[in-house]
C-alpha atoms as a PDB file:
ATOM      1  CA  MET A   1       1.174  18.372   1.077  1.00  0.00           C
ATOM      2  CA  GLU A   2       2.983  20.790   3.369  1.00  0.00           C
ATOM      3  CA  THR A   3       2.237  18.645   6.423  1.00  0.00           C
ATOM      4  CA  LEU A   4       3.689  15.601   4.665  1.00  0.00           C
ATOM      5  CA  ARG A   5       6.774  17.620   3.724  1.00  0.00           C
ATOM      6  CA  GLN A   6       7.225  18.733   7.343  1.00  0.00           C
ATOM      7  CA  LYS A   7       7.016  15.083   8.435  1.00  0.00           C
ATOM      8  CA  ASN A   8       9.954  14.375   6.102  1.00  0.00           C
ATOM      9  CA  TYR A   9       8.086  12.427   3.473  1.00  0.00           C
ATOM     10  CA  ILE A  10       8.524  13.370  -0.179  1.00  0.00           C
ATOM     11  CA  PRO A  11       5.019  14.460  -1.232  1.00  0.00           C
ATOM     12  CA  ILE A  12       4.041  14.611  -4.903  1.00  0.00           C
ATOM     13  CA  TYR A  13       0.688  15.816  -6.189  1.00  0.00           C
ATOM     14  CA  ALA A  14      -0.940  14.151  -9.212  1.00  0.00           C
ATOM     15  CA  GLU A  15      -4.116  15.498 -10.763  1.00  0.00           C
ATOM     16  CA  ASN A  16      -5.296  12.038 -11.858  1.00  0.00           C
ATOM     17  CA  SER A  17      -4.302   8.366 -12.099  1.00  0.00           C
ATOM     18  CA  LYS A  18      -2.656   8.785 -15.491  1.00  0.00           C
ATOM     19  CA  GLU A  19      -0.393  11.503 -14.118  1.00  0.00           C
ATOM     20  CA  ALA A  20       0.390   9.383 -11.042  1.00  0.00           C
ATOM     21  CA  ARG A  21       1.397   6.503 -13.296  1.00  0.00           C
ATOM     22  CA  GLU A  22       3.802   8.783 -15.183  1.00  0.00           C
ATOM     23  CA  VAL A  23       5.250  10.055 -11.903  1.00  0.00           C
ATOM     24  CA  ILE A  24       5.915   6.495 -10.733  1.00  0.00           C
ATOM     25  CA  LEU A  25       7.623   5.546 -13.990  1.00  0.00           C
ATOM     26  CA  ASN A  26       9.813   8.652 -13.708  1.00  0.00           C
ATOM     27  CA  LEU A  27      10.720   7.839 -10.099  1.00  0.00           C
ATOM     28  CA  ILE A  28      11.767   4.227 -10.694  1.00  0.00           C
ATOM     29  CA  PRO A  29      14.866   3.864 -12.884  1.00  0.00           C
ATOM     30  CA  LEU A  30      15.090   1.115 -15.476  1.00  0.00           C
ATOM     31  CA  ASN A  31      16.637  -2.136 -14.209  1.00  0.00           C
ATOM     32  CA  SER A  32      15.397  -1.483 -10.667  1.00  0.00           C
ATOM     33  CA  SER A  33      13.961  -4.281  -8.585  1.00  0.00           C
ATOM     34  CA  ILE A  34      10.373  -3.663  -7.507  1.00  0.00           C
ATOM     35  CA  ALA A  35       8.107  -5.280  -4.923  1.00  0.00           C
ATOM     36  CA  LEU A  36       4.404  -4.666  -4.503  1.00  0.00           C
ATOM     37  CA  GLY A  37       2.045  -4.445  -1.571  1.00  0.00           C
ATOM     38  CA  GLY A  38      -1.416  -5.874  -2.190  1.00  0.00           C
ATOM     39  CA  SER A  39      -3.312  -2.823  -3.398  1.00  0.00           C
ATOM     40  CA  VAL A  40      -6.441  -2.085  -5.393  1.00  0.00           C
ATOM     41  CA  THR A  41      -5.037   1.400  -5.975  1.00  0.00           C
ATOM     42  CA  ILE A  42      -1.875   0.074  -7.650  1.00  0.00           C
ATOM     43  CA  ASN A  43      -3.912  -2.375  -9.721  1.00  0.00           C
ATOM     44  CA  GLU A  44      -6.155   0.464 -10.916  1.00  0.00           C
ATOM     45  CA  LEU A  45      -3.109   2.421 -12.151  1.00  0.00           C
ATOM     46  CA  ASP A  46      -2.524  -0.305 -14.782  1.00  0.00           C
ATOM     47  CA  ILE A  47       1.215  -0.234 -14.185  1.00  0.00           C
ATOM     48  CA  ILE A  48       2.081  -3.770 -13.085  1.00  0.00           C
ATOM     49  CA  ASP A  49       2.408  -5.185 -16.599  1.00  0.00           C
ATOM     50  CA  THR A  50       4.946  -2.455 -17.371  1.00  0.00           C
ATOM     51  CA  PHE A  51       7.070  -3.717 -14.471  1.00  0.00           C
ATOM     52  CA  ARG A  52       6.785  -7.266 -15.796  1.00  0.00           C
ATOM     53  CA  SER A  53       8.838  -6.296 -18.856  1.00  0.00           C
ATOM     54  CA  ASP A  54      12.564  -7.048 -19.112  1.00  0.00           C
ATOM     55  CA  LYS A  55      13.293  -3.396 -18.251  1.00  0.00           C
ATOM     56  CA  TYR A  56      12.700  -4.086 -14.547  1.00  0.00           C
ATOM     57  CA  TYR A  57      12.985  -6.921 -12.071  1.00  0.00           C
ATOM     58  CA  LEU A  58       9.560  -7.442 -10.482  1.00  0.00           C
ATOM     59  CA  PHE A  59       9.013  -9.590  -7.425  1.00  0.00           C
ATOM     60  CA  ASP A  60       5.694 -10.656  -8.931  1.00  0.00           C
ATOM     61  CA  ARG A  61       3.552 -11.785  -6.022  1.00  0.00           C
ATOM     62  CA  TYR A  62       0.545 -12.070  -8.339  1.00  0.00           C
ATOM     63  CA  ASN A  63       2.157 -14.555 -10.723  1.00  0.00           C
ATOM     64  CA  GLN A  64       3.314 -17.451  -8.556  1.00  0.00           C
ATOM     65  CA  PRO A  65       2.350 -21.133  -8.903  1.00  0.00           C
ATOM     66  CA  ASP A  66       1.336 -21.659  -5.269  1.00  0.00           C
ATOM     67  CA  TRP A  67       1.065 -19.970  -1.876  1.00  0.00           C
ATOM     68  CA  SER A  68       4.504 -21.127  -0.729  1.00  0.00           C
ATOM     69  CA  SER A  69       6.088 -19.461  -3.781  1.00  0.00           C
ATOM     70  CA  THR A  70       4.022 -16.333  -3.181  1.00  0.00           C
ATOM     71  CA  LEU A  71       5.303 -16.088   0.400  1.00  0.00           C
ATOM     72  CA  LYS A  72       8.900 -16.527  -0.768  1.00  0.00           C
ATOM     73  CA  CYS A  73       8.402 -13.841  -3.416  1.00  0.00           C
ATOM     74  CA  MET A  74       7.049 -11.393  -0.834  1.00  0.00           C
ATOM     75  CA  ARG A  75       9.920 -12.144   1.566  1.00  0.00           C
ATOM     76  CA  ASP A  76      12.515 -11.724  -1.180  1.00  0.00           C
ATOM     77  CA  GLY A  77      10.848  -8.446  -2.151  1.00  0.00           C
ATOM     78  CA  MET A  78      11.751  -6.931   1.205  1.00  0.00           C
ATOM     79  CA  LEU A  79      15.190  -6.264  -0.287  1.00  0.00           C
ATOM     80  CA  ALA A  80      13.850  -4.596  -3.433  1.00  0.00           C
ATOM     81  CA  ASP A  81      15.110  -1.229  -4.614  1.00  0.00           C
ATOM     82  CA  TYR A  82      11.512   0.064  -4.631  1.00  0.00           C
ATOM     83  CA  PHE A  83       8.390  -0.969  -2.772  1.00  0.00           C
ATOM     84  CA  LEU A  84       5.193   0.281  -4.391  1.00  0.00           C
ATOM     85  CA  THR A  85       1.973   0.236  -2.409  1.00  0.00           C
ATOM     86  CA  SER A  86      -0.915   2.261  -1.073  1.00  0.00           C
ATOM     87  CA  THR A  87      -2.107   2.948   2.442  1.00  0.00           C
ATOM     88  CA  ASN A  88      -5.531   2.656   4.026  1.00  0.00           C
ATOM     89  CA  ALA A  89      -5.601   6.244   5.264  1.00  0.00           C
ATOM     90  CA  ILE A  90      -3.561   9.417   5.733  1.00  0.00           C
ATOM     91  CA  SER A  91      -4.521  11.820   8.505  1.00  0.00           C
ATOM     92  CA  LYS A  92      -4.416  15.611   8.371  1.00  0.00           C
ATOM     93  CA  ASN A  93      -1.489  15.345  10.770  1.00  0.00           C
ATOM     94  CA  GLY A  94       0.482  13.277   8.243  1.00  0.00           C
ATOM     95  CA  GLU A  95       0.058   9.870   9.860  1.00  0.00           C
ATOM     96  CA  LEU A  96      -0.060   6.827   7.586  1.00  0.00           C
ATOM     97  CA  ILE A  97      -2.467   4.131   8.778  1.00  0.00           C
ATOM     98  CA  GLN A  98      -2.414   0.629   7.260  1.00  0.00           C
ATOM     99  CA  THR A  99      -3.598  -2.853   8.134  1.00  0.00           C
ATOM    100  CA  ASP A 100      -2.665  -6.215   6.577  1.00  0.00           C
ATOM    101  CA  SER A 101      -3.746  -9.810   6.730  1.00  0.00           C
ATOM    102  CA  GLY A 102      -0.236 -11.270   6.299  1.00  0.00           C
ATOM    103  CA  GLY A 103       1.924  -8.298   7.272  1.00  0.00           C
ATOM    104  CA  ASN A 104       4.102  -8.014   4.157  1.00  0.00           C
ATOM    105  CA  ARG A 105       2.813  -4.568   3.164  1.00  0.00           C
ATOM    106  CA  VAL A 106       3.063  -3.144   6.684  1.00  0.00           C
ATOM    107  CA  SER A 107       6.543  -4.561   7.258  1.00  0.00           C
ATOM    108  CA  SER A 108       7.944  -3.548   3.850  1.00  0.00           C
ATOM    109  CA  LEU A 109       6.580  -0.038   4.236  1.00  0.00           C
ATOM    110  CA  LEU A 110       8.408   0.246   7.568  1.00  0.00           C
ATOM    111  CA  TRP A 111      11.684  -1.514   6.830  1.00  0.00           C
ATOM    112  CA  GLY A 112      13.583  -3.307   4.076  1.00  0.00           C
ATOM    113  CA  PRO A 113      13.228  -1.820   0.589  1.00  0.00           C
ATOM    114  CA  LYS A 114      15.522   1.148  -0.101  1.00  0.00           C
ATOM    115  CA  ASN A 115      12.679   3.324  -1.375  1.00  0.00           C
ATOM    116  CA  VAL A 116       8.958   3.246  -0.620  1.00  0.00           C
ATOM    117  CA  ILE A 117       6.384   4.828  -2.928  1.00  0.00           C
ATOM    118  CA  ILE A 118       2.876   5.174  -1.519  1.00  0.00           C
ATOM    119  CA  VAL A 119       0.027   6.099  -3.859  1.00  0.00           C
ATOM    120  CA  CYS A 120      -3.111   7.498  -2.259  1.00  0.00           C
ATOM    121  CA  GLY A 121      -6.395   8.808  -3.655  1.00  0.00           C
ATOM    122  CA  ILE A 122      -8.216  11.666  -1.930  1.00  0.00           C
ATOM    123  CA  ASN A 123     -10.829   9.176  -0.721  1.00  0.00           C
ATOM    124  CA  LYS A 124      -8.268   7.949   1.825  1.00  0.00           C
ATOM    125  CA  LEU A 125      -7.619  11.322   3.479  1.00  0.00           C
ATOM    126  CA  VAL A 126      -9.071  11.478   7.001  1.00  0.00           C
ATOM    127  CA  ASN A 127      -9.007  13.924   9.902  1.00  0.00           C
ATOM    128  CA  THR A 128      -7.279  11.794  12.559  1.00  0.00           C
ATOM    129  CA  TRP A 129      -5.490   8.454  12.835  1.00  0.00           C
ATOM    130  CA  GLN A 130      -8.499   7.247  14.826  1.00  0.00           C
ATOM    131  CA  ASP A 131     -10.684   8.056  11.805  1.00  0.00           C
ATOM    132  CA  GLY A 132      -8.240   6.018   9.729  1.00  0.00           C
ATOM    133  CA  MET A 133      -8.656   3.039  12.049  1.00  0.00           C
ATOM    134  CA  LYS A 134     -12.433   3.391  11.874  1.00  0.00           C
ATOM    135  CA  ARG A 135     -12.247   3.561   8.074  1.00  0.00           C
ATOM    136  CA  ILE A 136     -10.332   0.271   8.038  1.00  0.00           C
ATOM    137  CA  LYS A 137     -12.710  -1.466  10.444  1.00  0.00           C
ATOM    138  CA  ASP A 138     -15.989  -0.227   8.977  1.00  0.00           C
ATOM    139  CA  PHE A 139     -15.135  -0.126   5.287  1.00  0.00           C
ATOM    140  CA  VAL A 140     -11.764  -1.309   3.991  1.00  0.00           C
ATOM    141  CA  GLY A 141     -11.439  -4.566   5.973  1.00  0.00           C
ATOM    142  CA  PRO A 142     -14.799  -6.071   4.960  1.00  0.00           C
ATOM    143  CA  LEU A 143     -14.348  -4.933   1.326  1.00  0.00           C
ATOM    144  CA  ASN A 144     -10.865  -6.454   1.065  1.00  0.00           C
ATOM    145  CA  SER A 145     -12.024  -9.685   2.681  1.00  0.00           C
ATOM    146  CA  LYS A 146     -14.777  -9.983   0.090  1.00  0.00           C
ATOM    147  CA  ARG A 147     -12.430  -9.013  -2.773  1.00  0.00           C
ATOM    148  CA  ILE A 148      -9.940 -11.782  -2.061  1.00  0.00           C
ATOM    149  CA  ASN A 149     -12.623 -14.134  -0.738  1.00  0.00           C
ATOM    150  CA  HIS A 150     -11.165 -14.722   2.692  1.00  0.00           C
ATOM    151  CA  LYS A 151     -13.259 -17.032   4.837  1.00  0.00           C
ATOM    152  CA  THR A 152     -14.135 -14.420   7.450  1.00  0.00           C
ATOM    153  CA  PRO A 153     -17.417 -13.317   9.033  1.00  0.00           C
ATOM    154  CA  CYS A 154     -17.064  -9.828   7.523  1.00  0.00           C
ATOM    155  CA  ASN A 155     -16.916 -11.339   4.035  1.00  0.00           C
ATOM    156  CA  ILE A 156     -20.494 -12.475   4.550  1.00  0.00           C
ATOM    157  CA  SER A 157     -21.914  -9.771   6.836  1.00  0.00           C
ATOM    158  CA  GLY A 158     -19.987  -6.765   5.493  1.00  0.00           C
ATOM    159  CA  VAL A 159     -19.330  -5.726   9.094  1.00  0.00           C
ATOM    160  CA  CYS A 160     -16.181  -6.234  11.192  1.00  0.00           C
ATOM    161  CA  GLU A 161     -16.813  -8.842  13.871  1.00  0.00           C
ATOM    162  CA  ASP A 162     -13.294  -8.819  15.354  1.00  0.00           C
ATOM    163  CA  CYS A 163     -12.902 -12.453  14.332  1.00  0.00           C
ATOM    164  CA  VAL A 164     -10.089 -14.858  15.162  1.00  0.00           C
ATOM    165  CA  THR A 165     -10.193 -16.891  11.948  1.00  0.00           C
ATOM    166  CA  LYS A 166      -6.984 -17.935  10.187  1.00  0.00           C
ATOM    167  CA  GLN A 167      -7.805 -15.723   7.184  1.00  0.00           C
ATOM    168  CA  ARG A 168      -8.530 -12.625   9.294  1.00  0.00           C
ATOM    169  CA  ILE A 169      -7.917  -9.620   7.032  1.00  0.00           C
ATOM    170  CA  CYS A 170      -6.686  -7.220   9.739  1.00  0.00           C
ATOM    171  CA  ASN A 171      -3.915  -8.905  11.723  1.00  0.00           C
ATOM    172  CA  PHE A 172      -1.108  -6.353  11.426  1.00  0.00           C
ATOM    173  CA  THR A 173      -1.572  -2.610  11.805  1.00  0.00           C
ATOM    174  CA  SER A 174       0.948   0.212  11.711  1.00  0.00           C
ATOM    175  CA  ILE A 175       0.713   3.945  12.181  1.00  0.00           C
ATOM    176  CA  VAL A 176       3.668   5.834  10.740  1.00  0.00           C
ATOM    177  CA  ARG A 177       3.828   9.202  12.477  1.00  0.00           C
ATOM    178  CA  SER A 178       6.662  10.700  10.436  1.00  0.00           C
ATOM    179  CA  GLY A 179       9.333   9.881   7.893  1.00  0.00           C
ATOM    180  CA  LYS A 180      12.102  11.582   9.850  1.00  0.00           C
ATOM    181  CA  ARG A 181      13.814   8.391  11.006  1.00  0.00           C
ATOM    182  CA  MET A 182      14.440   7.186   7.449  1.00  0.00           C
ATOM    183  CA  GLU A 183      15.846  10.163   5.552  1.00  0.00           C
ATOM    184  CA  ASN A 184      14.029  10.722   2.232  1.00  0.00           C
ATOM    185  CA  SER A 185      12.899   7.131   1.739  1.00  0.00           C
ATOM    186  CA  ILE A 186       9.092   7.460   1.660  1.00  0.00           C
ATOM    187  CA  THR A 187       7.519   9.190  -1.317  1.00  0.00           C
ATOM    188  CA  ILE A 188       3.759   9.813  -1.121  1.00  0.00           C
ATOM    189  CA  ILE A 189       1.818  10.508  -4.299  1.00  0.00           C
ATOM    190  CA  ILE A 190      -1.557  12.106  -3.590  1.00  0.00           C
ATOM    191  CA  ILE A 191      -3.992  11.720  -6.493  1.00  0.00           C
ATOM    192  CA  ASN A 192      -6.745  14.299  -6.782  1.00  0.00           C
ATOM    193  CA  GLU A 193      -9.412  11.674  -7.445  1.00  0.00           C
ATOM    194  CA  GLU A 194     -10.869   8.612  -5.747  1.00  0.00           C
ATOM    195  CA  VAL A 195      -8.664   5.591  -6.398  1.00  0.00           C
ATOM    196  CA  GLY A 196      -8.882   2.199  -4.759  1.00  0.00           C
ATOM    197  CA  TYR A 197     -10.468   1.853  -1.354  1.00  0.00           C
END
């Protein structure tokens, strides 16, 4: 937590998912606009339906009639008041490591929304950014490809094959080394339990 603070993030500790959910609801004022990064962690917090109420404006990427509408929703969400997502790994040195298929999570985490809230279980804490990259390649990428049924070799084999298919799950990668450039815009909630993958 202290390392994250020194890197100019706003770190918040939550003992469990229920507490993290309460923290998020306290951080996001009513009537705020909210965009989401694709995230098993966020889904497991059971918070999305709360944001679908008339108390918020949700750019609801999960509730669109077709892919074209989904893309528009994600693009429009880059101007949201809050962007809520997870990351694939956080290093001991405070680096955030994330990979996307389409790039909306990586890009929105870096630029666009006024406030970014990242929720991360202890299962995503790694020693180095290189360990974070290995975690994505060996574990997270194949699991995500299977979860959303992308037509990739790793969906079948369970092993990254560095494919070049259109539905490749790991096209865009970012490593955020500190939050100093954007003053107080990235809040990181660390949950003291395994959440997501």
